[in-house]
Structures are given as C-alpha cells and as structure tokens.
Amino acid sequence: MTQAIHPPVFVSGNAAREVFRWEDAIRALQKTYSLPLRAAATPPRTIARAEGTWLRTLPAIPPGSRFYGAKLMGMAARSSTPGVEYVVVLYDHETSRIAAFVDANQITGFRTAATSAAALDRLAPHRPARLAVLGSGLEASMHARAFAAVREFSEVVVFSPSEDRRHAFAEAVTQDLAVPARTAASAEEAVEGADIVLGAARSRDEQPILYGNWLKSGSLVMSIGSTVPEQREIDISVVERSDLIVGDMLEEVLEQTGDMIAASHAGIDFHHKAISLADLMSGVHDERVKAASAPLFKSVGGGLQDVVVAELILTKALEAGLATPLPVAFETKH
C-alpha cells in the first residue's frame, strides 16, 4: 500500500508551475477519459449565490485514481480586496482523509488547455498544421503551448482586439515554441486557410467572433469561450457546419452554453452530431471521428479535469520535496 500523506500538505502555485508538464497532463486526462465514467462520479458544477457573493464547487471521483476531491472558488460582493482564489481539496482513497490543498489558480488554465489538447490529439490529422488563435490572453497562451505538445505547427496566426497584445502573443509563441507566428488585423484574416482554429476570446458585447463561412473544408474548431448561457463565441453557422461535436461535459455544452442555445433557438438540430469526450477517448465512435470533415470541440471545464491535474501536480510536488506539510489535524468522525 502506498504510504499515507499525513499531515495534509499544501502545494503552492509556484510549486505547481515548477512540476507541471503539458505532456504528463494530456496523457493523464486521456487515460482518465478512456476509462468508464459514471455520471454520479462527475456531477455538474454547483454555484451558490447571495446578494452578489458566489461560491462555485466542482467535485469529481476520477476512476482508477488515488485521490478524489473538488475545486472551490468564490468571491464576496462586500470584499475590500476583490479577486478570486481557487483551491483543489484532495481526499485520499486509501485513508478517506484530507491529503492536500492545491492552489488552483494555475490549474484552471492548465486543465482547460490540457483537456483541449487531449481532444485535439484524437481529432486532428498527424501532420504539420496552421493554427489560428482568436484571443491573446492566458487561456490562448496556454492552449498554444498545450497544442504544440501534441502537434507540429507550420505557422500560428493570432488576432485579438488589442494590437499590442496580439504582437506580444506572436513574439512569445515564436520565442518559446520556435514556431513562426504572426498577427492578423481581423478574426477572418487569422482564420483564412487555418487547419485548426482556437476560439479563446469572447467578444465584449457577447457577439460571435467566428463564422462558418470563414472556415476552410476540413478545419477543426476548438471553442472554449462560451461556458454559460450568457456567453457567446462561435456563430450558429459554425454549429450548423459541424458534422461532429465533442463536448467535455456534454449535457452542459449542449444545453447550457450561449452558442448552443442560440443554435437551438435558430432551429439547428445538433444533438445527433454530438458525442462526449469520454466517448472520443474510449474509441467507441472511431469510425464517426475518422469520417468527420468539420469537427468541433467545445469545452466548459469540469471537476474531473481539475482533480486529475491536481493529483498529478501533488504527486510530482511530493517527489520533488515541494509540498509543504501543514501543522493541522482534522478530527475524524467514526
């Protein structure tokens, strides 16, 4: 039996960044999603709200793992120091005890990009590709790096409303990934001729930023920017064009994201085109995947991804001596 973690430990954001590797996270997520997943083990997120204060909880019990737990985040309306703090609390399957608290600020970006890359690795042909990136923020940056861990890129083209930020993004991609990168003056220009299109920047007024007639035949769309009913990223024409839709939390993707709600209101029937990320990883739809000429991946994120990546980081932090033992002891109810 593996040695128990006692007392519980804390893994800081700096420690998480030091031990994290894209390849490790992508393979861990692919392995987890390929195993049988019970719906009760990966329930939808819950959000408590009261007078402007909110608390979000994303629990999960990953199959075949040592740890289970939940990510928590919240913000108080009356706070004098506005901002959101994230934590993943991990429980040990072998002892039922709280094993660790992992700073999850970086984990959210890590797990979202690693999950998208895990899907891209199953959806994109194994050949050099041209990547278009709509957005220049943290999520866009992490996705470019995660994608580069599983595919070779001949060029990366980026558009975002801020000229300075898109130039900085292109320079960082060229320097960090050794991939030719340039900017585009519009989203349409960036997308032209792209093999893979990443949507990682909702518009400020929640209008679509990507349209189906911009996309070349055979291109893969990865959309991460519309995760709740109020948000928009891709136009309904992108949904209509798609012949295969993959969702990480399929019911939430299809029923609770602004893009899909808009497509449904427009009379577009897409449920028959949709499969879950678990089905993609398990291979049960391999023939459909191979036949798809216009695949779309949409992500809303889930606790399973948080817990899998947090476990990976905890394990590596313990091996590297970067986990801090806490001077606490929880009472156990028998």
Protein backbone atom coordinates (compact mmCIF):
# COMPACT_ATOMS: atom_id res chain seq x y z
CA MET A 1 0.00 0.00 0.00
CA THR A 2 1.22 3.49 -0.83
CA GLN A 3 2.37 5.50 2.17
CA ALA A 4 -0.35 7.75 3.56
CA ILE A 5 0.03 11.53 3.40
CA HIS A 6 -0.06 12.80 6.97
CA PRO A 7 -0.37 15.57 7.93
CA PRO A 8 -2.07 17.14 4.90
CA VAL A 9 0.11 19.24 2.62
CA PHE A 10 -0.18 22.49 0.71
CA VAL A 11 1.05 22.84 -2.89
CA SER A 12 1.60 26.46 -3.89
CA GLY A 13 1.07 27.98 -7.29
CA ASN A 14 4.83 28.32 -7.72
CA ALA A 15 5.34 24.64 -6.92
CA ALA A 16 2.55 23.69 -9.34
CA ARG A 17 4.19 25.68 -12.13
CA GLU A 18 7.58 24.13 -11.42
CA VAL A 19 6.46 20.49 -11.67
CA PHE A 20 3.78 20.79 -14.35
CA ARG A 21 4.44 19.34 -17.82
CA TRP A 22 1.92 19.50 -20.66
CA GLU A 23 2.64 16.01 -21.93
CA ASP A 24 2.03 14.48 -18.50
CA ALA A 25 -1.29 16.26 -18.01
CA ILE A 26 -2.54 15.47 -21.51
CA ARG A 27 -1.76 11.76 -21.16
CA ALA A 28 -3.30 11.62 -17.67
CA LEU A 29 -6.53 13.16 -18.96
CA GLN A 30 -6.63 10.88 -21.99
CA LYS A 31 -6.19 7.86 -19.72
CA THR A 32 -8.89 9.00 -17.29
CA TYR A 33 -11.43 9.82 -20.00
CA SER A 34 -10.82 6.45 -21.67
CA LEU A 35 -11.99 4.62 -18.53
CA PRO A 36 -15.68 4.02 -17.75
CA LEU A 37 -17.09 7.20 -16.19
CA ARG A 38 -20.18 7.12 -14.03
CA ALA A 39 -22.32 10.24 -14.18
CA ALA A 40 -22.64 10.29 -10.41
CA ALA A 41 -18.84 10.48 -10.08
CA THR A 42 -18.62 13.62 -12.22
CA PRO A 43 -21.67 15.72 -11.33
CA PRO A 44 -22.29 19.19 -12.79
CA ARG A 45 -20.82 22.21 -11.07
CA THR A 46 -22.86 23.91 -8.38
CA ILE A 47 -22.99 27.66 -7.79
CA ALA A 48 -24.29 29.24 -4.60
CA ARG A 49 -25.29 32.91 -4.94
CA ALA A 50 -26.50 35.53 -2.49
CA GLU A 51 -26.50 39.33 -2.88
CA GLY A 52 -23.61 39.37 -5.31
CA THR A 53 -21.50 36.80 -3.47
CA TRP A 54 -20.91 33.47 -5.19
CA LEU A 55 -19.26 30.14 -4.46
CA ARG A 56 -18.64 27.55 -7.18
CA THR A 57 -17.90 23.87 -6.48
CA LEU A 58 -16.66 21.27 -8.98
CA PRO A 59 -16.42 17.79 -7.42
CA ALA A 60 -15.18 14.56 -9.01
CA ILE A 61 -14.12 11.00 -8.22
CA PRO A 62 -11.83 10.03 -11.12
CA PRO A 63 -11.77 6.33 -12.00
CA GLY A 64 -8.55 4.49 -11.22
CA SER A 65 -7.06 7.34 -9.21
CA ARG A 66 -5.71 7.52 -5.69
CA PHE A 67 -7.30 10.87 -4.92
CA TYR A 68 -10.73 12.43 -5.26
CA GLY A 69 -11.97 15.87 -4.34
CA ALA A 70 -13.31 19.19 -5.53
CA LYS A 71 -12.24 22.59 -6.75
CA LEU A 72 -13.67 25.56 -4.87
CA MET A 73 -13.68 29.20 -5.87
CA GLY A 74 -15.60 32.19 -4.62
CA MET A 75 -15.86 35.94 -4.37
CA ALA A 76 -17.64 38.13 -1.84
CA ALA A 77 -19.57 41.15 -3.03
CA ARG A 78 -18.50 43.19 0.00
CA SER A 79 -14.83 42.25 -0.22
CA SER A 80 -12.36 45.09 0.23
CA THR A 81 -9.83 43.14 -1.88
CA PRO A 82 -11.72 41.96 -4.98
CA GLY A 83 -10.45 38.86 -6.74
CA VAL A 84 -10.99 35.12 -6.84
CA GLU A 85 -8.96 32.43 -5.08
CA TYR A 86 -9.09 28.81 -6.23
CA VAL A 87 -8.26 25.66 -4.29
CA VAL A 88 -8.49 21.94 -5.02
CA VAL A 89 -9.06 19.83 -1.91
CA LEU A 90 -7.89 16.25 -2.40
CA TYR A 91 -9.02 13.26 -0.34
CA ASP A 92 -7.05 10.00 -0.20
CA HIS A 93 -8.93 6.88 -1.36
CA GLU A 94 -6.73 4.71 0.85
CA THR A 95 -7.42 6.55 4.11
CA SER A 96 -10.51 8.72 3.44
CA ARG A 97 -8.51 11.61 4.92
CA ILE A 98 -7.89 15.06 3.52
CA ALA A 99 -4.49 14.76 1.85
CA ALA A 100 -3.79 18.11 0.24
CA PHE A 101 -4.80 21.64 -0.62
CA VAL A 102 -3.53 22.66 -4.04
CA ASP A 103 -3.53 26.30 -5.17
CA ALA A 104 -5.71 26.02 -8.26
CA ASN A 105 -5.29 29.42 -9.89
CA GLN A 106 -2.92 27.95 -12.48
CA ILE A 107 -4.63 24.56 -12.50
CA THR A 108 -7.72 26.04 -14.13
CA GLY A 109 -5.67 27.19 -17.11
CA PHE A 110 -3.57 24.02 -17.13
CA ARG A 111 -6.51 21.63 -17.13
CA THR A 112 -8.55 23.54 -19.71
CA ALA A 113 -5.71 23.65 -22.23
CA ALA A 114 -4.56 20.10 -21.50
CA THR A 115 -8.12 18.81 -21.98
CA SER A 116 -8.43 20.63 -25.29
CA ALA A 117 -5.06 19.23 -26.39
CA ALA A 118 -6.15 15.74 -25.37
CA ALA A 119 -9.17 16.11 -27.66
CA LEU A 120 -7.14 17.72 -30.46
CA ASP A 121 -4.74 14.76 -30.37
CA ARG A 122 -7.69 12.50 -31.27
CA LEU A 123 -9.34 14.86 -33.79
CA ALA A 124 -6.52 16.48 -35.79
CA PRO A 125 -4.55 14.64 -38.51
CA HIS A 126 -0.93 13.81 -37.68
CA ARG A 127 0.74 16.34 -39.95
CA PRO A 128 2.06 19.90 -39.63
CA ALA A 129 -0.85 22.32 -39.31
CA ARG A 130 -1.58 26.03 -39.47
CA LEU A 131 -3.12 27.23 -36.20
CA ALA A 132 -5.34 30.31 -35.93
CA VAL A 133 -5.79 31.74 -32.44
CA LEU A 134 -8.61 34.15 -31.62
CA GLY A 135 -7.51 35.70 -28.35
CA SER A 136 -4.25 36.66 -26.71
CA GLY A 137 -4.89 36.13 -23.01
CA LEU A 138 -3.81 33.42 -20.56
CA GLU A 139 -6.12 30.74 -21.98
CA ALA A 140 -4.97 31.41 -25.54
CA SER A 141 -1.33 31.28 -24.46
CA MET A 142 -1.73 28.04 -22.54
CA HIS A 143 -3.65 26.40 -25.37
CA ALA A 144 -0.96 27.25 -27.91
CA ARG A 145 1.62 25.56 -25.68
CA ALA A 146 -0.57 22.55 -24.95
CA PHE A 147 -1.38 22.08 -28.64
CA ALA A 148 2.32 22.29 -29.51
CA ALA A 149 2.91 19.35 -27.15
CA VAL A 150 0.86 17.04 -29.41
CA ARG A 151 1.14 18.57 -32.91
CA GLU A 152 3.69 20.32 -35.08
CA PHE A 153 2.68 23.73 -36.41
CA SER A 154 3.88 25.29 -39.64
CA GLU A 155 2.55 28.68 -38.55
CA VAL A 156 0.49 30.35 -35.82
CA VAL A 157 -1.64 33.40 -36.67
CA VAL A 158 -3.26 35.39 -33.88
CA PHE A 159 -5.97 38.02 -33.70
CA SER A 160 -7.25 39.91 -30.70
CA PRO A 161 -8.73 43.41 -30.41
CA SER A 162 -5.56 44.74 -28.76
CA GLU A 163 -2.80 45.23 -31.33
CA ASP A 164 -0.11 45.35 -28.64
CA ARG A 165 -1.28 42.15 -27.02
CA ARG A 166 -1.52 40.19 -30.24
CA HIS A 167 2.00 41.28 -31.22
CA ALA A 168 3.28 40.23 -27.79
CA PHE A 169 1.49 36.89 -28.16
CA ALA A 170 3.06 36.23 -31.58
CA GLU A 171 6.52 37.14 -30.31
CA ALA A 172 6.16 34.81 -27.31
CA VAL A 173 5.00 31.90 -29.49
CA THR A 174 7.96 32.38 -31.84
CA GLN A 175 10.42 32.61 -28.96
CA ASP A 176 9.02 29.92 -26.65
CA LEU A 177 7.80 27.35 -29.17
CA ALA A 178 10.17 28.02 -32.08
CA VAL A 179 7.14 28.27 -34.37
CA PRO A 180 6.70 31.05 -36.94
CA ALA A 181 3.92 33.33 -35.67
CA ARG A 182 2.34 36.50 -36.97
CA THR A 183 -0.62 38.74 -36.26
CA ALA A 184 -3.77 39.38 -38.27
CA ALA A 185 -5.83 42.56 -38.46
CA SER A 186 -9.14 40.70 -38.12
CA ALA A 187 -10.51 37.38 -36.97
CA GLU A 188 -11.48 36.48 -40.52
CA GLU A 189 -7.94 37.13 -41.76
CA ALA A 190 -6.49 34.98 -38.98
CA VAL A 191 -8.81 32.07 -39.75
CA GLU A 192 -8.26 32.08 -43.53
CA GLY A 193 -6.67 28.78 -44.57
CA ALA A 194 -6.22 27.53 -41.00
CA ASP A 195 -6.27 23.80 -40.29
CA ILE A 196 -7.07 24.32 -36.60
CA VAL A 197 -8.95 27.30 -35.16
CA LEU A 198 -8.87 28.08 -31.44
CA GLY A 199 -11.60 30.32 -30.07
CA ALA A 200 -10.34 31.71 -26.77
CA ALA A 201 -11.70 35.26 -26.66
CA ARG A 202 -15.37 36.09 -26.28
CA SER A 203 -16.37 39.45 -27.69
CA ARG A 204 -17.02 42.22 -25.20
CA ASP A 205 -20.66 42.51 -26.29
CA GLU A 206 -21.20 38.73 -26.47
CA GLN A 207 -21.47 38.68 -30.25
CA PRO A 208 -19.94 35.74 -32.18
CA ILE A 209 -16.31 36.12 -33.20
CA LEU A 210 -16.12 33.14 -35.59
CA TYR A 211 -18.34 32.34 -38.58
CA GLY A 212 -18.73 29.15 -40.55
CA ASN A 213 -18.11 30.64 -44.00
CA TRP A 214 -14.63 31.74 -42.90
CA LEU A 215 -13.51 28.15 -42.34
CA LYS A 216 -11.87 26.01 -44.96
CA SER A 217 -13.08 22.48 -45.59
CA GLY A 218 -11.65 20.01 -43.12
CA SER A 219 -10.66 22.53 -40.46
CA LEU A 220 -11.05 21.69 -36.78
CA VAL A 221 -12.61 24.25 -34.42
CA MET A 222 -11.70 24.28 -30.71
CA SER A 223 -14.04 26.58 -28.76
CA ILE A 224 -13.55 27.34 -25.06
CA GLY A 225 -15.01 30.82 -24.61
CA SER A 226 -18.75 30.21 -24.16
CA THR A 227 -19.32 28.25 -20.96
CA VAL A 228 -22.60 29.65 -19.59
CA PRO A 229 -25.91 30.72 -21.19
CA GLU A 230 -24.99 34.42 -21.25
CA GLN A 231 -21.75 33.96 -23.21
CA ARG A 232 -21.17 33.82 -26.97
CA GLU A 233 -18.14 32.91 -29.04
CA ILE A 234 -18.98 30.99 -32.23
CA ASP A 235 -21.80 31.83 -34.63
CA ILE A 236 -24.63 29.37 -35.20
CA SER A 237 -23.22 28.82 -38.70
CA VAL A 238 -20.21 27.08 -37.10
CA VAL A 239 -22.55 24.72 -35.25
CA GLU A 240 -24.56 24.09 -38.42
CA ARG A 241 -21.38 23.40 -40.43
CA SER A 242 -20.03 20.88 -37.92
CA ASP A 243 -20.59 17.20 -38.64
CA LEU A 244 -19.15 16.06 -35.29
CA ILE A 245 -19.43 17.93 -31.98
CA VAL A 246 -17.39 16.77 -28.99
CA GLY A 247 -18.16 18.14 -25.51
CA ASP A 248 -16.19 17.60 -22.33
CA MET A 249 -19.31 17.90 -20.16
CA LEU A 250 -21.72 17.02 -22.94
CA GLU A 251 -25.06 17.95 -21.38
CA GLU A 252 -23.72 21.28 -20.13
CA VAL A 253 -22.15 22.02 -23.52
CA LEU A 254 -25.35 21.27 -25.44
CA GLU A 255 -27.89 22.77 -23.06
CA GLN A 256 -26.17 25.49 -21.03
CA THR A 257 -23.79 27.39 -23.32
CA GLY A 258 -24.86 30.52 -25.15
CA ASP A 259 -23.57 29.30 -28.53
CA MET A 260 -25.58 26.10 -28.49
CA ILE A 261 -28.66 27.78 -27.03
CA ALA A 262 -28.58 30.28 -29.91
CA ALA A 263 -28.21 27.45 -32.44
CA SER A 264 -31.14 25.61 -30.89
CA HIS A 265 -33.33 28.74 -30.99
CA ALA A 266 -32.44 29.07 -34.68
CA GLY A 267 -33.82 25.58 -35.32
CA ILE A 268 -30.46 23.86 -35.86
CA ASP A 269 -30.55 20.19 -34.87
CA PHE A 270 -27.17 19.23 -33.46
CA HIS A 271 -27.77 16.63 -30.75
CA HIS A 272 -27.40 13.74 -33.20
CA LYS A 273 -23.93 15.06 -34.14
CA ALA A 274 -22.67 15.21 -30.55
CA ILE A 275 -20.52 12.79 -28.55
CA SER A 276 -18.81 13.10 -25.19
CA LEU A 277 -15.09 13.50 -24.63
CA ALA A 278 -15.18 10.16 -22.82
CA ASP A 279 -16.64 8.51 -25.92
CA LEU A 280 -13.93 10.13 -28.04
CA MET A 281 -11.19 8.82 -25.77
CA SER A 282 -12.63 5.34 -25.36
CA GLY A 283 -12.78 4.85 -29.13
CA VAL A 284 -16.44 3.84 -29.33
CA HIS A 285 -17.01 6.36 -32.12
CA ASP A 286 -13.74 5.93 -34.00
CA GLU A 287 -15.48 5.48 -37.36
CA ARG A 288 -17.50 8.69 -36.90
CA VAL A 289 -14.39 10.55 -35.86
CA LYS A 290 -12.42 9.36 -38.88
CA ALA A 291 -15.26 10.31 -41.23
CA ALA A 292 -15.75 13.81 -39.79
CA SER A 293 -14.78 16.65 -42.13
CA ALA A 294 -15.83 19.56 -39.90
CA PRO A 295 -15.28 18.62 -36.24
CA LEU A 296 -16.00 20.98 -33.36
CA PHE A 297 -14.76 20.63 -29.78
CA LYS A 298 -16.48 22.70 -27.10
CA SER A 299 -15.36 22.83 -23.50
CA VAL A 300 -16.97 24.17 -20.34
CA GLY A 301 -14.49 22.56 -17.95
CA GLY A 302 -15.25 20.15 -15.14
CA GLY A 303 -14.13 18.96 -11.75
CA LEU A 304 -12.75 15.74 -13.21
CA GLN A 305 -10.12 17.74 -15.10
CA ASP A 306 -9.25 19.78 -12.00
CA VAL A 307 -8.83 16.74 -9.78
CA VAL A 308 -6.81 14.74 -12.31
CA VAL A 309 -4.36 17.60 -12.88
CA ALA A 310 -4.21 18.43 -9.16
CA GLU A 311 -3.35 14.80 -8.37
CA LEU A 312 -0.61 14.85 -10.98
CA ILE A 313 0.83 18.07 -9.53
CA LEU A 314 0.56 16.78 -5.95
CA THR A 315 2.38 13.56 -6.82
CA LYS A 316 5.20 15.39 -8.57
CA ALA A 317 5.44 18.04 -5.84
CA LEU A 318 5.81 15.32 -3.20
CA GLU A 319 8.53 13.62 -5.26
CA ALA A 320 10.36 16.94 -5.66
CA GLY A 321 10.01 17.92 -2.00
CA LEU A 322 7.90 20.96 -2.93
CA ALA A 323 4.77 20.11 -0.93
CA THR A 324 4.53 21.92 2.42
CA PRO A 325 3.28 19.85 5.41
CA LEU A 326 0.60 21.73 7.33
CA PRO A 327 0.57 21.96 11.13
CA VAL A 328 -3.05 20.86 11.31
CA ALA A 329 -5.02 17.76 12.20
CA PHE A 330 -8.67 17.20 11.30
CA GLU A 331 -10.99 15.36 13.65
CA THR A 332 -12.32 12.14 12.16
CA LYS A 333 -15.91 11.07 12.65
CA HIS A 334 -16.30 7.29 13.05
